[in-house]
Amino acid sequence: MPQTPTEADLFARLKSGVPFRKDDPAYGQFGEVVARTIRLCVAMNATAADAAQVRQGLGEIIGAEIDPSTTIFPPFYTNFGRFISLGKNVFINHACSFLDIGGITIEDDVQIGPRVNLTSENHPLDPLDRKTLLLSPILIKRNAWIGAGATILPGVTVGENAVVAAGAVVNRDVPPNAVVAGVPAKVVKAL
């Protein structure tokens, strides 16, 4: 789906990482994109009977073709969808949630376990400004493995060949060729 000129402006502003407030003049348009994404996710999760249909449905959500070597098991959830980038030979297991307003890039050969949460957005601690979105991209580098139920927080890069253990909460970058585990995740092993 091609972007309208005002969508292009909104998307550029969001990608720049500036805080996005609920009183922003483009908030209504932002809400329309979110509503569309939620409708498409519900439809994809309810009707996709095979891997090709899921790729097609998610491709419509993210606005890009997904390589045939990539597999996504539904249900799959996202709130915005337009800032997800998937490489080749990616595997995403059941019940993953990608909050991508800040951007999520997954490089080639990444494996993602069930119930993994990637969230590229946060909110200020100040209660008076809590409805503002703070945006910071997530990058999962080539051949990383994210274990079941792990959560990766805004601004994190998971290095090439790294492993995030099941249930870990990752709030800082993961070095290449490392295994991290725990809450918060810490390096427990070098590969």
N, C-alpha and C. Protein backbone atom coordinates (compact mmCIF):
# COMPACT_ATOMS: atom_id res chain seq x y z
N MET A 1 0.84 -1.18 0.00
CA MET A 1 0.00 0.00 0.00
C MET A 1 0.88 1.24 0.00
N PRO A 2 0.83 2.08 -1.04
CA PRO A 2 1.66 3.28 -1.09
C PRO A 2 1.24 4.29 -0.02
N GLN A 3 2.20 5.06 0.44
CA GLN A 3 1.93 6.07 1.45
C GLN A 3 1.39 7.34 0.80
N THR A 4 0.47 7.98 1.50
CA THR A 4 0.04 9.31 1.09
C THR A 4 1.12 10.29 1.51
N PRO A 5 1.14 11.52 0.94
CA PRO A 5 2.17 12.48 1.36
C PRO A 5 2.15 12.75 2.86
N THR A 6 0.97 12.81 3.48
CA THR A 6 0.93 13.07 4.92
C THR A 6 1.39 11.85 5.71
N GLU A 7 1.10 10.63 5.21
CA GLU A 7 1.62 9.42 5.85
C GLU A 7 3.14 9.41 5.79
N ALA A 8 3.69 9.78 4.64
CA ALA A 8 5.14 9.80 4.47
C ALA A 8 5.77 10.75 5.49
N ASP A 9 5.14 11.90 5.73
CA ASP A 9 5.64 12.86 6.71
C ASP A 9 5.56 12.27 8.12
N LEU A 10 4.42 11.66 8.45
CA LEU A 10 4.26 11.04 9.77
C LEU A 10 5.30 9.94 9.96
N PHE A 11 5.47 9.07 8.96
CA PHE A 11 6.41 7.98 9.07
C PHE A 11 7.83 8.51 9.24
N ALA A 12 8.19 9.55 8.51
CA ALA A 12 9.53 10.13 8.63
C ALA A 12 9.75 10.69 10.04
N ARG A 13 8.74 11.34 10.57
CA ARG A 13 8.86 11.89 11.94
C ARG A 13 9.03 10.78 12.96
N LEU A 14 8.23 9.71 12.84
CA LEU A 14 8.34 8.60 13.78
C LEU A 14 9.70 7.93 13.66
N LYS A 15 10.18 7.73 12.44
CA LYS A 15 11.48 7.09 12.24
C LYS A 15 12.63 7.93 12.79
N SER A 16 12.44 9.23 12.88
CA SER A 16 13.50 10.10 13.39
C SER A 16 13.72 9.90 14.89
N GLY A 17 12.76 9.26 15.56
CA GLY A 17 12.93 8.97 16.98
C GLY A 17 12.51 10.08 17.92
N VAL A 18 11.95 11.18 17.41
CA VAL A 18 11.50 12.24 18.31
C VAL A 18 10.29 11.74 19.11
N PRO A 19 10.13 12.20 20.35
CA PRO A 19 8.96 11.79 21.13
C PRO A 19 7.66 12.13 20.38
N PHE A 20 6.69 11.23 20.47
CA PHE A 20 5.41 11.39 19.78
C PHE A 20 4.33 11.49 20.84
N ARG A 21 3.71 12.69 20.91
CA ARG A 21 2.74 12.97 21.97
C ARG A 21 1.31 12.79 21.49
N LYS A 22 0.44 12.46 22.42
CA LYS A 22 -0.95 12.22 22.09
C LYS A 22 -1.65 13.47 21.55
N ASP A 23 -1.13 14.66 21.88
CA ASP A 23 -1.73 15.90 21.37
C ASP A 23 -1.13 16.34 20.03
N ASP A 24 -0.29 15.49 19.44
CA ASP A 24 0.30 15.79 18.13
C ASP A 24 -0.81 15.88 17.08
N PRO A 25 -0.76 16.87 16.17
CA PRO A 25 -1.79 17.00 15.14
C PRO A 25 -1.95 15.76 14.25
N ALA A 26 -0.91 14.94 14.14
CA ALA A 26 -0.98 13.74 13.30
C ALA A 26 -1.43 12.50 14.08
N TYR A 27 -1.82 12.68 15.35
CA TYR A 27 -2.17 11.53 16.17
C TYR A 27 -3.38 10.77 15.61
N GLY A 28 -4.34 11.47 15.04
CA GLY A 28 -5.49 10.81 14.43
C GLY A 28 -5.08 9.93 13.27
N GLN A 29 -4.20 10.44 12.45
CA GLN A 29 -3.69 9.67 11.31
C GLN A 29 -2.90 8.45 11.81
N PHE A 30 -2.11 8.64 12.84
CA PHE A 30 -1.38 7.54 13.48
C PHE A 30 -2.37 6.48 13.95
N GLY A 31 -3.45 6.90 14.58
CA GLY A 31 -4.48 5.98 15.04
C GLY A 31 -5.11 5.19 13.91
N GLU A 32 -5.26 5.81 12.75
CA GLU A 32 -5.81 5.10 11.59
C GLU A 32 -4.87 3.98 11.13
N VAL A 33 -3.57 4.25 11.14
CA VAL A 33 -2.60 3.22 10.75
C VAL A 33 -2.66 2.06 11.74
N VAL A 34 -2.71 2.37 13.02
CA VAL A 34 -2.79 1.34 14.06
C VAL A 34 -4.07 0.51 13.89
N ALA A 35 -5.20 1.18 13.67
CA ALA A 35 -6.47 0.47 13.51
C ALA A 35 -6.42 -0.47 12.30
N ARG A 36 -5.84 0.00 11.20
CA ARG A 36 -5.70 -0.83 9.99
C ARG A 36 -4.85 -2.05 10.29
N THR A 37 -3.72 -1.84 10.98
CA THR A 37 -2.82 -2.93 11.31
C THR A 37 -3.50 -3.96 12.19
N ILE A 38 -4.24 -3.52 13.18
CA ILE A 38 -4.94 -4.45 14.07
C ILE A 38 -5.97 -5.26 13.29
N ARG A 39 -6.72 -4.60 12.40
CA ARG A 39 -7.70 -5.33 11.56
C ARG A 39 -7.01 -6.39 10.72
N LEU A 40 -5.90 -6.01 10.07
CA LEU A 40 -5.17 -6.96 9.22
C LEU A 40 -4.57 -8.11 10.03
N CYS A 41 -4.08 -7.83 11.24
CA CYS A 41 -3.54 -8.90 12.10
C CYS A 41 -4.63 -9.89 12.49
N VAL A 42 -5.77 -9.37 12.88
CA VAL A 42 -6.89 -10.25 13.25
C VAL A 42 -7.26 -11.14 12.07
N ALA A 43 -7.39 -10.55 10.89
CA ALA A 43 -7.75 -11.31 9.70
C ALA A 43 -6.68 -12.35 9.37
N MET A 44 -5.42 -11.96 9.42
CA MET A 44 -4.33 -12.89 9.11
C MET A 44 -4.33 -14.06 10.10
N ASN A 45 -4.46 -13.77 11.38
CA ASN A 45 -4.42 -14.82 12.39
C ASN A 45 -5.63 -15.74 12.31
N ALA A 46 -6.76 -15.23 11.84
CA ALA A 46 -7.98 -16.03 11.77
C ALA A 46 -8.08 -16.87 10.50
N THR A 47 -7.45 -16.43 9.41
CA THR A 47 -7.71 -17.08 8.12
C THR A 47 -6.49 -17.71 7.47
N ALA A 48 -5.28 -17.36 7.89
CA ALA A 48 -4.09 -17.88 7.22
C ALA A 48 -3.93 -19.37 7.53
N ALA A 49 -4.01 -20.19 6.49
CA ALA A 49 -3.97 -21.64 6.66
C ALA A 49 -2.61 -22.24 6.37
N ASP A 50 -1.72 -21.48 5.76
CA ASP A 50 -0.38 -22.01 5.47
C ASP A 50 0.64 -20.88 5.50
N ALA A 51 1.93 -21.26 5.44
CA ALA A 51 3.02 -20.29 5.57
C ALA A 51 2.95 -19.20 4.51
N ALA A 52 2.58 -19.56 3.29
CA ALA A 52 2.51 -18.56 2.22
C ALA A 52 1.44 -17.52 2.50
N GLN A 53 0.30 -17.94 3.03
CA GLN A 53 -0.77 -16.99 3.36
C GLN A 53 -0.34 -16.06 4.49
N VAL A 54 0.37 -16.60 5.47
CA VAL A 54 0.84 -15.75 6.57
C VAL A 54 1.84 -14.73 6.04
N ARG A 55 2.78 -15.17 5.19
CA ARG A 55 3.74 -14.22 4.60
C ARG A 55 3.01 -13.14 3.82
N GLN A 56 2.01 -13.53 3.04
CA GLN A 56 1.26 -12.55 2.26
C GLN A 56 0.54 -11.57 3.18
N GLY A 57 -0.11 -12.07 4.23
CA GLY A 57 -0.82 -11.20 5.16
C GLY A 57 0.11 -10.26 5.89
N LEU A 58 1.23 -10.78 6.38
CA LEU A 58 2.19 -9.92 7.08
C LEU A 58 2.84 -8.95 6.11
N GLY A 59 3.07 -9.39 4.88
CA GLY A 59 3.61 -8.48 3.86
C GLY A 59 2.70 -7.29 3.64
N GLU A 60 1.38 -7.53 3.63
CA GLU A 60 0.43 -6.43 3.50
C GLU A 60 0.51 -5.49 4.70
N ILE A 61 0.67 -6.05 5.88
CA ILE A 61 0.76 -5.23 7.09
C ILE A 61 2.02 -4.37 7.06
N ILE A 62 3.17 -4.96 6.72
CA ILE A 62 4.43 -4.19 6.79
C ILE A 62 4.70 -3.39 5.53
N GLY A 63 3.94 -3.66 4.47
CA GLY A 63 4.11 -2.90 3.23
C GLY A 63 5.31 -3.33 2.42
N ALA A 64 5.72 -4.60 2.56
CA ALA A 64 6.86 -5.12 1.81
C ALA A 64 6.69 -6.63 1.63
N GLU A 65 7.22 -7.12 0.53
CA GLU A 65 7.16 -8.57 0.30
C GLU A 65 8.11 -9.28 1.26
N ILE A 66 7.66 -10.40 1.78
CA ILE A 66 8.47 -11.21 2.69
C ILE A 66 9.05 -12.37 1.89
N ASP A 67 10.35 -12.59 2.04
CA ASP A 67 11.03 -13.63 1.29
C ASP A 67 10.40 -15.00 1.57
N PRO A 68 10.25 -15.83 0.54
CA PRO A 68 9.64 -17.16 0.71
C PRO A 68 10.40 -18.07 1.69
N SER A 69 11.65 -17.76 1.98
CA SER A 69 12.42 -18.58 2.93
C SER A 69 12.07 -18.28 4.38
N THR A 70 11.27 -17.25 4.62
CA THR A 70 10.90 -16.84 5.97
C THR A 70 9.58 -17.48 6.37
N THR A 71 9.50 -17.94 7.62
CA THR A 71 8.30 -18.60 8.14
C THR A 71 7.84 -17.89 9.40
N ILE A 72 6.55 -17.59 9.46
CA ILE A 72 5.92 -16.98 10.64
C ILE A 72 4.76 -17.86 11.03
N PHE A 73 4.75 -18.35 12.28
CA PHE A 73 3.62 -19.14 12.77
C PHE A 73 2.64 -18.20 13.47
N PRO A 74 1.37 -18.21 13.05
CA PRO A 74 0.38 -17.42 13.76
C PRO A 74 0.00 -18.08 15.09
N PRO A 75 -0.54 -17.33 16.04
CA PRO A 75 -0.84 -15.92 15.87
C PRO A 75 0.43 -15.06 15.98
N PHE A 76 0.39 -13.96 15.29
CA PHE A 76 1.46 -12.96 15.30
C PHE A 76 0.79 -11.61 15.53
N TYR A 77 1.39 -10.79 16.37
CA TYR A 77 0.79 -9.51 16.73
C TYR A 77 1.76 -8.36 16.49
N THR A 78 1.23 -7.27 15.98
CA THR A 78 1.97 -6.02 15.87
C THR A 78 0.98 -4.88 16.00
N ASN A 79 1.47 -3.73 16.46
CA ASN A 79 0.58 -2.59 16.66
C ASN A 79 0.67 -1.56 15.53
N PHE A 80 1.76 -1.54 14.80
CA PHE A 80 1.94 -0.53 13.75
C PHE A 80 2.27 -1.21 12.44
N GLY A 81 3.25 -2.11 12.46
CA GLY A 81 3.55 -2.95 11.32
C GLY A 81 4.44 -2.35 10.26
N ARG A 82 4.36 -1.07 10.06
CA ARG A 82 5.06 -0.43 8.93
C ARG A 82 6.56 -0.29 9.15
N PHE A 83 7.03 -0.53 10.37
CA PHE A 83 8.46 -0.37 10.66
C PHE A 83 9.11 -1.70 11.03
N ILE A 84 8.58 -2.80 10.49
CA ILE A 84 9.19 -4.12 10.65
C ILE A 84 9.91 -4.45 9.35
N SER A 85 11.16 -4.89 9.48
CA SER A 85 11.94 -5.33 8.33
C SER A 85 12.46 -6.73 8.62
N LEU A 86 12.13 -7.69 7.73
CA LEU A 86 12.52 -9.08 7.93
C LEU A 86 13.48 -9.52 6.83
N GLY A 87 14.56 -10.18 7.23
CA GLY A 87 15.52 -10.72 6.28
C GLY A 87 15.06 -12.05 5.71
N LYS A 88 16.01 -12.78 5.16
CA LYS A 88 15.73 -14.09 4.57
C LYS A 88 15.97 -15.18 5.60
N ASN A 89 15.24 -16.28 5.42
CA ASN A 89 15.41 -17.47 6.25
C ASN A 89 15.20 -17.15 7.73
N VAL A 90 14.23 -16.30 8.03
CA VAL A 90 13.86 -15.96 9.40
C VAL A 90 12.75 -16.91 9.83
N PHE A 91 12.78 -17.34 11.09
CA PHE A 91 11.72 -18.16 11.66
C PHE A 91 11.16 -17.45 12.87
N ILE A 92 9.85 -17.22 12.88
CA ILE A 92 9.16 -16.59 14.01
C ILE A 92 8.08 -17.55 14.48
N ASN A 93 8.20 -18.04 15.72
CA ASN A 93 7.29 -19.02 16.26
C ASN A 93 5.99 -18.37 16.75
N HIS A 94 5.09 -19.18 17.28
CA HIS A 94 3.74 -18.76 17.68
C HIS A 94 3.73 -17.64 18.73
N ALA A 95 2.72 -16.79 18.63
CA ALA A 95 2.33 -15.82 19.67
C ALA A 95 3.39 -14.77 19.97
N CYS A 96 4.13 -14.33 18.96
CA CYS A 96 5.10 -13.25 19.16
C CYS A 96 4.40 -11.91 18.99
N SER A 97 4.93 -10.90 19.69
CA SER A 97 4.37 -9.55 19.64
C SER A 97 5.49 -8.57 19.33
N PHE A 98 5.33 -7.84 18.22
CA PHE A 98 6.33 -6.86 17.79
C PHE A 98 5.71 -5.47 17.86
N LEU A 99 6.09 -4.67 18.84
CA LEU A 99 5.65 -3.27 18.91
C LEU A 99 6.73 -2.45 18.21
N ASP A 100 6.42 -2.06 16.98
CA ASP A 100 7.46 -1.61 16.05
C ASP A 100 7.45 -0.12 15.73
N ILE A 101 6.77 0.70 16.46
CA ILE A 101 6.71 2.12 16.10
C ILE A 101 8.11 2.74 16.08
N GLY A 102 9.01 2.27 16.93
CA GLY A 102 10.39 2.74 16.93
C GLY A 102 11.26 2.04 15.91
N GLY A 103 10.77 0.97 15.31
CA GLY A 103 11.50 0.22 14.29
C GLY A 103 12.05 -1.09 14.80
N ILE A 104 11.84 -2.16 14.02
CA ILE A 104 12.38 -3.48 14.33
C ILE A 104 12.98 -4.04 13.04
N THR A 105 14.27 -4.33 13.08
CA THR A 105 14.96 -4.94 11.94
C THR A 105 15.49 -6.29 12.36
N ILE A 106 15.12 -7.31 11.58
CA ILE A 106 15.57 -8.67 11.83
C ILE A 106 16.32 -9.13 10.60
N GLU A 107 17.61 -9.39 10.78
CA GLU A 107 18.46 -9.78 9.66
C GLU A 107 18.27 -11.26 9.31
N ASP A 108 19.01 -11.73 8.32
CA ASP A 108 18.89 -13.10 7.82
C ASP A 108 19.21 -14.15 8.89
N ASP A 109 18.55 -15.32 8.75
CA ASP A 109 18.85 -16.52 9.52
C ASP A 109 18.57 -16.39 11.02
N VAL A 110 17.70 -15.48 11.41
CA VAL A 110 17.34 -15.31 12.82
C VAL A 110 16.23 -16.29 13.17
N GLN A 111 16.31 -16.86 14.37
CA GLN A 111 15.25 -17.72 14.90
C GLN A 111 14.66 -17.06 16.14
N ILE A 112 13.33 -16.99 16.17
CA ILE A 112 12.63 -16.36 17.28
C ILE A 112 11.64 -17.36 17.85
N GLY A 113 11.78 -17.66 19.15
CA GLY A 113 10.93 -18.64 19.81
C GLY A 113 9.53 -18.11 20.08
N PRO A 114 8.66 -18.97 20.63
CA PRO A 114 7.28 -18.57 20.89
C PRO A 114 7.19 -17.51 21.99
N ARG A 115 6.16 -16.70 21.89
CA ARG A 115 5.82 -15.67 22.90
C ARG A 115 6.93 -14.65 23.14
N VAL A 116 7.75 -14.40 22.14
CA VAL A 116 8.80 -13.37 22.27
C VAL A 116 8.16 -12.00 22.06
N ASN A 117 8.59 -11.04 22.87
CA ASN A 117 8.12 -9.66 22.76
C ASN A 117 9.29 -8.76 22.37
N LEU A 118 9.11 -8.05 21.25
CA LEU A 118 10.07 -7.03 20.84
C LEU A 118 9.34 -5.71 20.93
N THR A 119 9.80 -4.82 21.79
CA THR A 119 9.11 -3.54 21.92
C THR A 119 10.09 -2.39 21.73
N SER A 120 9.85 -1.61 20.69
CA SER A 120 10.73 -0.50 20.32
C SER A 120 10.19 0.83 20.82
N GLU A 121 9.27 0.77 21.75
CA GLU A 121 8.65 1.99 22.26
C GLU A 121 8.53 1.93 23.77
N ASN A 122 8.55 3.10 24.37
CA ASN A 122 8.47 3.23 25.82
C ASN A 122 7.70 4.51 26.14
N HIS A 123 7.58 4.83 27.41
CA HIS A 123 6.90 6.05 27.85
C HIS A 123 7.76 6.72 28.92
N PRO A 124 7.66 8.04 29.05
CA PRO A 124 8.41 8.75 30.09
C PRO A 124 7.96 8.33 31.49
N LEU A 125 8.87 8.44 32.45
CA LEU A 125 8.51 8.17 33.84
C LEU A 125 7.60 9.24 34.41
N ASP A 126 7.73 10.47 33.94
CA ASP A 126 6.92 11.59 34.43
C ASP A 126 5.44 11.29 34.20
N PRO A 127 4.63 11.19 35.27
CA PRO A 127 3.21 10.86 35.11
C PRO A 127 2.45 11.86 34.24
N LEU A 128 2.91 13.11 34.21
CA LEU A 128 2.21 14.12 33.41
C LEU A 128 2.48 13.98 31.92
N ASP A 129 3.51 13.21 31.58
CA ASP A 129 3.88 13.04 30.17
C ASP A 129 3.82 11.56 29.76
N ARG A 130 3.15 10.74 30.52
CA ARG A 130 3.17 9.29 30.36
C ARG A 130 2.59 8.81 29.04
N LYS A 131 1.72 9.58 28.39
CA LYS A 131 1.11 9.13 27.13
C LYS A 131 1.98 9.42 25.92
N THR A 132 3.13 10.02 26.13
CA THR A 132 4.09 10.25 25.06
C THR A 132 4.80 8.95 24.72
N LEU A 133 5.04 8.73 23.44
CA LEU A 133 5.81 7.57 23.00
C LEU A 133 7.27 7.97 22.82
N LEU A 134 8.16 7.21 23.43
CA LEU A 134 9.60 7.35 23.23
C LEU A 134 10.02 6.19 22.34
N LEU A 135 10.65 6.49 21.22
CA LEU A 135 10.89 5.50 20.18
C LEU A 135 12.38 5.24 20.00
N SER A 136 12.75 3.95 19.96
CA SER A 136 14.15 3.59 19.77
C SER A 136 14.21 2.20 19.13
N PRO A 137 14.90 2.07 18.00
CA PRO A 137 14.84 0.84 17.21
C PRO A 137 15.52 -0.36 17.86
N ILE A 138 15.02 -1.53 17.48
CA ILE A 138 15.62 -2.82 17.85
C ILE A 138 16.25 -3.40 16.59
N LEU A 139 17.45 -3.96 16.74
CA LEU A 139 18.14 -4.62 15.64
C LEU A 139 18.57 -6.01 16.10
N ILE A 140 18.10 -7.03 15.38
CA ILE A 140 18.50 -8.41 15.65
C ILE A 140 19.41 -8.82 14.49
N LYS A 141 20.68 -9.00 14.79
CA LYS A 141 21.69 -9.27 13.75
C LYS A 141 21.64 -10.73 13.29
N ARG A 142 22.32 -10.97 12.18
CA ARG A 142 22.30 -12.26 11.49
C ARG A 142 22.59 -13.45 12.43
N ASN A 143 21.78 -14.49 12.23
CA ASN A 143 21.96 -15.79 12.88
C ASN A 143 21.77 -15.76 14.39
N ALA A 144 21.10 -14.74 14.92
CA ALA A 144 20.80 -14.72 16.35
C ALA A 144 19.62 -15.65 16.63
N TRP A 145 19.52 -16.08 17.88
CA TRP A 145 18.44 -16.95 18.33
C TRP A 145 17.85 -16.32 19.58
N ILE A 146 16.55 -16.05 19.53
CA ILE A 146 15.84 -15.45 20.66
C ILE A 146 14.94 -16.54 21.25
N GLY A 147 15.19 -16.93 22.50
CA GLY A 147 14.47 -18.02 23.14
C GLY A 147 13.06 -17.66 23.55
N ALA A 148 12.27 -18.69 23.83
CA ALA A 148 10.85 -18.57 24.17
C ALA A 148 10.63 -17.58 25.31
N GLY A 149 9.65 -16.71 25.12
CA GLY A 149 9.23 -15.80 26.18
C GLY A 149 10.20 -14.68 26.50
N ALA A 150 11.23 -14.50 25.71
CA ALA A 150 12.17 -13.40 25.94
C ALA A 150 11.52 -12.06 25.57
N THR A 151 11.99 -11.01 26.21
CA THR A 151 11.54 -9.65 25.92
C THR A 151 12.76 -8.81 25.59
N ILE A 152 12.70 -8.12 24.46
CA ILE A 152 13.78 -7.22 24.07
C ILE A 152 13.23 -5.80 24.06
N LEU A 153 13.88 -4.93 24.78
CA LEU A 153 13.40 -3.57 25.02
C LEU A 153 13.96 -2.57 24.00
N PRO A 154 13.42 -1.34 23.99
CA PRO A 154 13.81 -0.34 22.99
C PRO A 154 15.31 -0.06 22.97
N GLY A 155 15.82 0.13 21.75
CA GLY A 155 17.20 0.55 21.56
C GLY A 155 18.23 -0.56 21.59
N VAL A 156 17.80 -1.81 21.74
CA VAL A 156 18.73 -2.93 21.90
C VAL A 156 19.14 -3.48 20.53
N THR A 157 20.43 -3.80 20.41
CA THR A 157 20.96 -4.56 19.29
C THR A 157 21.41 -5.91 19.83
N VAL A 158 20.91 -6.98 19.19
CA VAL A 158 21.36 -8.33 19.53
C VAL A 158 22.38 -8.71 18.46
N GLY A 159 23.61 -8.98 18.89
CA GLY A 159 24.72 -9.19 17.97
C GLY A 159 24.62 -10.48 17.17
N GLU A 160 25.41 -10.54 16.11
CA GLU A 160 25.46 -11.69 15.22
C GLU A 160 25.79 -12.96 16.01
N ASN A 161 25.05 -14.03 15.73
CA ASN A 161 25.23 -15.35 16.34
C ASN A 161 24.91 -15.39 17.83
N ALA A 162 24.39 -14.32 18.41
CA ALA A 162 24.09 -14.29 19.84
C ALA A 162 22.86 -15.14 20.14
N VAL A 163 22.75 -15.55 21.40
CA VAL A 163 21.59 -16.30 21.89
C VAL A 163 21.03 -15.55 23.09
N VAL A 164 19.71 -15.31 23.05
CA VAL A 164 18.99 -14.74 24.18
C VAL A 164 18.20 -15.89 24.80
N ALA A 165 18.51 -16.24 26.05
CA ALA A 165 17.88 -17.38 26.70
C ALA A 165 16.38 -17.14 26.91
N ALA A 166 15.65 -18.24 27.01
CA ALA A 166 14.22 -18.18 27.26
C ALA A 166 13.94 -17.36 28.51
N GLY A 167 12.95 -16.48 28.42
CA GLY A 167 12.51 -15.68 29.56
C GLY A 167 13.37 -14.48 29.89
N ALA A 168 14.45 -14.26 29.18
CA ALA A 168 15.34 -13.13 29.47
C ALA A 168 14.65 -11.81 29.15
N VAL A 169 15.02 -10.78 29.89
CA VAL A 169 14.58 -9.41 29.60
C VAL A 169 15.84 -8.62 29.24
N VAL A 170 15.93 -8.23 27.95
CA VAL A 170 17.15 -7.63 27.43
C VAL A 170 16.97 -6.12 27.36
N ASN A 171 17.74 -5.40 28.18
CA ASN A 171 17.63 -3.94 28.23
C ASN A 171 18.90 -3.23 27.78
N ARG A 172 19.90 -4.01 27.30
CA ARG A 172 21.13 -3.41 26.75
C ARG A 172 21.63 -4.31 25.63
N ASP A 173 22.52 -3.78 24.82
CA ASP A 173 23.02 -4.52 23.66
C ASP A 173 23.64 -5.86 24.07
N VAL A 174 23.46 -6.85 23.20
CA VAL A 174 24.02 -8.18 23.37
C VAL A 174 25.20 -8.30 22.42
N PRO A 175 26.39 -8.61 22.94
CA PRO A 175 27.55 -8.72 22.05
C PRO A 175 27.38 -9.88 21.06
N PRO A 176 28.08 -9.82 19.93
CA PRO A 176 28.07 -10.96 19.01
C PRO A 176 28.63 -12.20 19.72
N ASN A 177 28.13 -13.37 19.32
CA ASN A 177 28.67 -14.65 19.81
C ASN A 177 28.60 -14.78 21.33
N ALA A 178 27.54 -14.25 21.93
CA ALA A 178 27.36 -14.34 23.38
C ALA A 178 26.00 -14.94 23.68
N VAL A 179 25.89 -15.56 24.86
CA VAL A 179 24.61 -16.03 25.38
C VAL A 179 24.27 -15.13 26.56
N VAL A 180 23.05 -14.57 26.55
CA VAL A 180 22.58 -13.77 27.68
C VAL A 180 21.37 -14.45 28.28
N ALA A 181 21.22 -14.27 29.61
CA ALA A 181 20.10 -14.86 30.33
C ALA A 181 19.78 -13.99 31.52
N GLY A 182 18.54 -14.11 32.04
CA GLY A 182 18.16 -13.46 33.27
C GLY A 182 17.36 -12.20 33.08
N VAL A 183 17.03 -11.61 34.27
CA VAL A 183 16.25 -10.37 34.31
C VAL A 183 16.95 -9.42 35.27
N PRO A 184 17.60 -8.38 34.78
CA PRO A 184 17.88 -8.10 33.38
C PRO A 184 18.93 -9.06 32.84
N ALA A 185 18.93 -9.24 31.53
CA ALA A 185 19.84 -10.20 30.88
C ALA A 185 21.30 -9.77 31.06
N LYS A 186 22.11 -10.78 31.34
CA LYS A 186 23.57 -10.58 31.46
C LYS A 186 24.25 -11.68 30.65
N VAL A 187 25.46 -11.40 30.19
CA VAL A 187 26.22 -12.40 29.45
C VAL A 187 26.57 -13.54 30.41
N VAL A 188 26.22 -14.78 30.00
CA VAL A 188 26.52 -15.95 30.81
C VAL A 188 27.52 -16.88 30.13
N LYS A 189 27.74 -16.65 28.82
CA LYS A 189 28.64 -17.55 28.10
C LYS A 189 29.06 -16.88 26.80
N ALA A 190 30.30 -17.13 26.39
CA ALA A 190 30.78 -16.71 25.06
C ALA A 190 30.75 -17.94 24.16
N LEU A 191 30.35 -17.73 22.92
CA LEU A 191 30.31 -18.85 21.96
C LEU A 191 31.59 -18.89 21.16
